[in-house]
Amino acid sequence: MKIKIEAYEALSVIYDEVMKHIDYKHWSEYILDIAKDHNKDNNARVLELSAGIGKMARRISKKFSDYVFTDRSFRMLQQSNEINLRKVCCDMTSLPFNGEFDFIFSTFDSVNYLLNKSKLLSLFTEVKNVLSENGIFTFDVSLENNSLEFKRNQKTKGSAKGYSFKRTSKYNLKSRIHKNIFEITDHLGVVTEEVHKQKIYKFDTYFELINEAGLVVVECLEAFTFNHGNENSERIQFILKPIGKNVKF
């Protein structure tokens, strides 16, 4: 028996195991370095988008007194119950906030889950609406070379908490959709299938939509470094500010 459900419903329970290869300490330090370089306010109000189960929030929030983390999946937020922070279940293309934030960020190529340009533009517009005058927004995205590389190692498997899982990665060159298909089997032998889809946008598309939303790219980096990135990179870290503010290149 195989049941198909929404992304991150079943995966939330074993997310730690699936992501065990991630160096959260190093990644958190990288995000904090970006915050320090571009926003000197120690009292910055911070918003994390698509925070998942809060692995990044657990580390980064220690440096800020005003921290909100969000995710579209209520099940993912439920797995973060031990983290004593304000949590909001919302879509990052429709943010339910009236106040402004000084530092907004998203990790784990969550932006690639927005499957059309309209959604991507909505994200940038929503962020612009809640970003303070001197605030910054930083996020990472996966480019096509990363999908091509990942496809070569397309199958992984593992087990945790009485579950076993298999992950198959597929990339469609024509549609530029990258799928990660998870088959998760519980102790009764029931198989749940989750299909995670990501849009691998062309490099220039980000600049076009960022500018249309009233934001500007301050830096475009090779992810996890401070080296300049380009269309041949596998992953890019964008750092944005509102247009018309004190921007240096």
Protein backbone atom coordinates (compact mmCIF):
# COMPACT_ATOMS: atom_id res chain seq x y z
CA MET A 1 0.00 0.00 0.00
CA LYS A 2 1.37 3.42 -0.98
CA ILE A 3 -0.08 6.73 0.22
CA LYS A 4 0.76 10.04 -1.45
CA ILE A 5 0.76 13.14 0.76
CA GLU A 6 1.98 16.73 0.83
CA ALA A 7 5.70 17.52 1.12
CA TYR A 8 7.10 17.50 4.66
CA GLU A 9 4.09 15.77 6.23
CA ALA A 10 5.71 12.36 6.84
CA LEU A 11 9.29 13.53 6.27
CA SER A 12 9.09 15.89 9.25
CA VAL A 13 9.36 12.93 11.66
CA ILE A 14 12.67 11.72 10.21
CA TYR A 15 13.98 15.05 8.92
CA ASP A 16 16.99 14.92 11.26
CA GLU A 17 18.15 11.64 9.78
CA VAL A 18 17.65 12.75 6.18
CA MET A 19 19.66 15.92 6.85
CA LYS A 20 22.32 14.40 9.09
CA HIS A 21 25.07 15.30 6.61
CA ILE A 22 24.43 19.04 7.10
CA ASP A 23 26.98 21.02 9.12
CA TYR A 24 24.52 23.29 10.90
CA LYS A 25 27.24 24.93 12.99
CA HIS A 26 29.21 26.04 9.93
CA TRP A 27 26.09 27.17 8.07
CA SER A 28 24.85 29.17 11.07
CA GLU A 29 28.21 30.89 11.42
CA TYR A 30 28.07 31.81 7.74
CA ILE A 31 24.62 33.41 8.12
CA LEU A 32 25.78 35.27 11.23
CA ASP A 33 28.84 36.58 9.36
CA ILE A 34 26.54 37.96 6.67
CA ALA A 35 24.36 39.59 9.31
CA LYS A 36 27.40 41.13 11.00
CA ASP A 37 28.87 42.43 7.74
CA HIS A 38 25.68 44.07 6.53
CA ASN A 39 23.69 44.97 9.64
CA LYS A 40 25.51 46.40 12.64
CA ASP A 41 22.42 46.58 14.87
CA ASN A 42 22.84 44.19 17.80
CA ASN A 43 19.14 44.66 18.55
CA ALA A 44 18.07 43.69 15.03
CA ARG A 45 14.63 42.19 14.63
CA VAL A 46 15.08 38.86 12.81
CA LEU A 47 12.71 36.85 10.62
CA GLU A 48 13.58 33.36 9.40
CA LEU A 49 11.56 32.02 6.47
CA SER A 50 10.99 28.29 5.87
CA ALA A 51 12.73 27.47 9.12
CA GLY A 52 11.67 23.81 9.18
CA ILE A 53 12.24 22.14 12.54
CA GLY A 54 14.42 25.02 13.76
CA LYS A 55 17.92 23.60 13.46
CA MET A 56 19.29 26.95 12.28
CA ALA A 57 17.06 28.94 14.63
CA ARG A 58 18.43 27.07 17.64
CA ARG A 59 21.88 28.53 16.95
CA ILE A 60 21.27 31.88 15.29
CA SER A 61 18.59 33.06 17.72
CA LYS A 62 21.16 33.06 20.54
CA LYS A 63 22.62 36.23 19.01
CA PHE A 64 19.34 38.14 18.80
CA SER A 65 16.71 39.04 21.38
CA ASP A 66 13.88 39.51 18.85
CA TYR A 67 13.55 36.45 16.62
CA VAL A 68 10.60 34.98 14.73
CA PHE A 69 10.76 31.77 12.74
CA THR A 70 8.22 30.60 10.24
CA ASP A 71 7.40 27.63 8.07
CA ARG A 72 4.54 26.67 5.78
CA SER A 73 4.38 23.16 7.26
CA PHE A 74 2.69 22.96 10.65
CA ARG A 75 4.10 19.44 11.05
CA MET A 76 7.64 20.76 10.70
CA LEU A 77 6.99 23.46 13.30
CA GLN A 78 5.57 20.81 15.66
CA GLN A 79 8.94 19.03 15.60
CA SER A 80 10.55 22.17 17.05
CA ASN A 81 8.53 22.28 20.25
CA GLU A 82 11.63 22.35 22.45
CA ILE A 83 12.72 25.68 20.95
CA ASN A 84 11.31 28.58 22.97
CA LEU A 85 10.82 31.10 20.17
CA ARG A 86 7.90 32.75 18.44
CA LYS A 87 6.75 30.50 15.61
CA VAL A 88 4.34 31.37 12.84
CA CYS A 89 2.88 28.92 10.32
CA CYS A 90 2.71 30.85 7.06
CA ASP A 91 3.66 30.84 3.39
CA MET A 92 6.64 33.07 2.64
CA THR A 93 4.76 34.50 -0.35
CA SER A 94 2.07 35.88 2.00
CA LEU A 95 3.63 37.17 5.20
CA PRO A 96 1.20 38.06 8.04
CA PHE A 97 3.35 40.78 9.63
CA ASN A 98 2.73 44.49 10.05
CA GLY A 99 6.05 45.49 11.63
CA GLU A 100 9.47 45.64 10.00
CA PHE A 101 12.45 43.31 10.31
CA ASP A 102 16.11 44.27 10.08
CA PHE A 103 17.42 40.87 9.05
CA ILE A 104 15.41 38.35 7.03
CA PHE A 105 16.88 35.07 5.83
CA SER A 106 16.04 31.70 4.36
CA THR A 107 18.24 28.62 3.93
CA PHE A 108 18.19 25.12 2.37
CA ASP A 109 17.28 26.46 -1.12
CA SER A 110 13.71 26.93 0.14
CA VAL A 111 13.20 29.64 -2.48
CA ASN A 112 13.46 26.98 -5.19
CA TYR A 113 10.19 25.51 -3.91
CA LEU A 114 8.39 28.48 -5.48
CA LEU A 115 7.50 26.89 -8.79
CA ASN A 116 6.67 29.91 -10.94
CA LYS A 117 7.85 33.48 -11.43
CA SER A 118 4.66 34.92 -9.96
CA LYS A 119 5.33 33.17 -6.65
CA LEU A 120 8.99 34.18 -6.70
CA LEU A 121 8.04 37.82 -7.31
CA SER A 122 5.49 37.59 -4.48
CA LEU A 123 8.24 36.49 -2.10
CA PHE A 124 10.46 39.44 -2.99
CA THR A 125 7.53 41.87 -2.79
CA GLU A 126 6.41 40.54 0.60
CA VAL A 127 9.96 40.78 1.95
CA LYS A 128 10.29 44.34 0.62
CA ASN A 129 7.10 45.27 2.50
CA VAL A 130 8.41 44.10 5.88
CA LEU A 131 12.11 44.96 5.46
CA SER A 132 13.36 47.95 7.44
CA GLU A 133 15.09 50.87 5.74
CA ASN A 134 18.57 49.52 6.43
CA GLY A 135 17.57 45.87 6.56
CA ILE A 136 18.88 43.00 4.46
CA PHE A 137 17.41 39.81 3.06
CA THR A 138 19.71 36.86 2.35
CA PHE A 139 18.86 33.48 0.87
CA ASP A 140 20.47 30.65 -1.06
CA VAL A 141 19.30 29.05 -4.28
CA SER A 142 20.26 25.99 -6.26
CA LEU A 143 21.28 26.50 -9.90
CA GLU A 144 21.24 24.01 -12.76
CA ASN A 145 24.79 22.72 -12.26
CA ASN A 146 23.82 21.59 -8.78
CA SER A 147 20.84 19.63 -10.12
CA LEU A 148 22.99 18.00 -12.78
CA GLU A 149 25.57 16.99 -10.17
CA PHE A 150 22.94 15.74 -7.72
CA LYS A 151 21.30 13.66 -10.43
CA ARG A 152 24.48 11.62 -10.82
CA ASN A 153 24.05 10.41 -7.23
CA GLN A 154 20.31 10.10 -7.50
CA LYS A 155 19.42 7.43 -4.94
CA THR A 156 19.93 7.43 -1.16
CA LYS A 157 18.36 5.51 1.68
CA GLY A 158 18.36 5.33 5.45
CA SER A 159 16.31 4.65 8.58
CA ALA A 160 15.31 6.40 11.81
CA LYS A 161 12.68 6.19 14.58
CA GLY A 162 11.27 2.93 13.23
CA TYR A 163 10.96 4.27 9.69
CA SER A 164 13.01 3.53 6.58
CA PHE A 165 13.22 5.81 3.59
CA LYS A 166 14.44 5.94 0.02
CA ARG A 167 15.07 9.14 -1.90
CA THR A 168 15.27 9.35 -5.68
CA SER A 169 16.35 12.55 -7.41
CA LYS A 170 15.20 13.47 -10.92
CA TYR A 171 15.86 16.59 -12.98
CA ASN A 172 13.92 17.55 -16.12
CA LEU A 173 16.07 19.71 -18.38
CA LYS A 174 13.10 21.04 -20.33
CA SER A 175 10.83 22.06 -17.45
CA ARG A 176 13.79 22.82 -15.15
CA ILE A 177 11.94 21.02 -12.35
CA HIS A 178 14.01 19.05 -9.86
CA LYS A 179 12.09 16.33 -8.02
CA ASN A 180 13.12 14.55 -4.85
CA ILE A 181 10.82 11.56 -4.36
CA PHE A 182 10.74 10.10 -0.85
CA GLU A 183 9.28 6.70 -0.06
CA ILE A 184 8.87 6.39 3.70
CA THR A 185 7.93 3.02 5.22
CA ASP A 186 6.62 2.72 8.77
CA HIS A 187 6.84 -0.28 11.13
CA LEU A 188 3.57 -1.69 9.71
CA GLY A 189 4.92 -1.67 6.19
CA VAL A 190 2.77 1.25 5.05
CA VAL A 191 4.61 3.25 2.40
CA THR A 192 4.09 7.00 2.16
CA GLU A 193 5.31 8.88 -0.90
CA GLU A 194 6.26 12.55 -0.81
CA VAL A 195 7.29 14.38 -3.96
CA HIS A 196 9.31 17.54 -3.41
CA LYS A 197 9.46 19.81 -6.45
CA GLN A 198 11.90 22.66 -6.97
CA LYS A 199 12.16 25.11 -9.86
CA ILE A 200 15.71 25.68 -11.06
CA TYR A 201 15.48 29.22 -12.37
CA LYS A 202 17.91 30.78 -14.79
CA PHE A 203 20.47 32.97 -13.05
CA ASP A 204 19.25 36.22 -14.65
CA THR A 205 15.66 35.60 -13.58
CA TYR A 206 16.53 36.33 -9.96
CA PHE A 207 17.99 39.74 -10.79
CA GLU A 208 14.99 40.69 -12.94
CA LEU A 209 12.40 39.84 -10.30
CA ILE A 210 14.43 41.21 -7.40
CA ASN A 211 14.66 44.56 -9.16
CA GLU A 212 10.95 44.49 -10.10
CA ALA A 213 10.07 44.05 -6.41
CA GLY A 214 12.02 47.15 -5.39
CA LEU A 215 15.07 45.37 -4.03
CA VAL A 216 18.68 45.38 -5.20
CA VAL A 217 21.39 42.72 -5.09
CA VAL A 218 24.17 43.92 -2.80
CA GLU A 219 26.19 40.73 -3.16
CA CYS A 220 25.88 37.52 -5.17
CA LEU A 221 28.19 34.91 -3.67
CA GLU A 222 29.19 31.30 -4.11
CA ALA A 223 27.19 29.72 -1.30
CA PHE A 224 29.13 29.23 1.97
CA THR A 225 31.88 31.57 0.77
CA PHE A 226 32.44 35.28 0.18
CA ASN A 227 33.62 34.71 -3.38
CA HIS A 228 31.61 36.14 -6.26
CA GLY A 229 29.10 33.72 -7.77
CA ASN A 230 27.86 33.49 -11.36
CA GLU A 231 25.59 31.48 -13.65
CA ASN A 232 28.05 28.55 -13.58
CA SER A 233 27.93 28.20 -9.79
CA GLU A 234 26.10 25.27 -8.22
CA ARG A 235 24.59 27.33 -5.40
CA ILE A 236 24.30 31.08 -4.91
CA GLN A 237 23.89 33.20 -1.79
CA PHE A 238 22.03 36.43 -2.51
CA ILE A 239 22.16 39.47 -0.22
CA LEU A 240 19.52 42.12 -0.92
CA LYS A 241 18.56 45.59 0.28
CA PRO A 242 15.71 47.93 -0.61
CA ILE A 243 16.36 50.08 -3.68
CA GLY A 244 17.42 53.62 -2.90
CA LYS A 245 19.05 52.79 0.41
CA ASN A 246 22.73 52.98 1.24
CA VAL A 247 23.96 50.22 -1.06
CA LYS A 248 27.62 49.45 -1.74
CA PHE A 249 28.91 46.96 -4.30
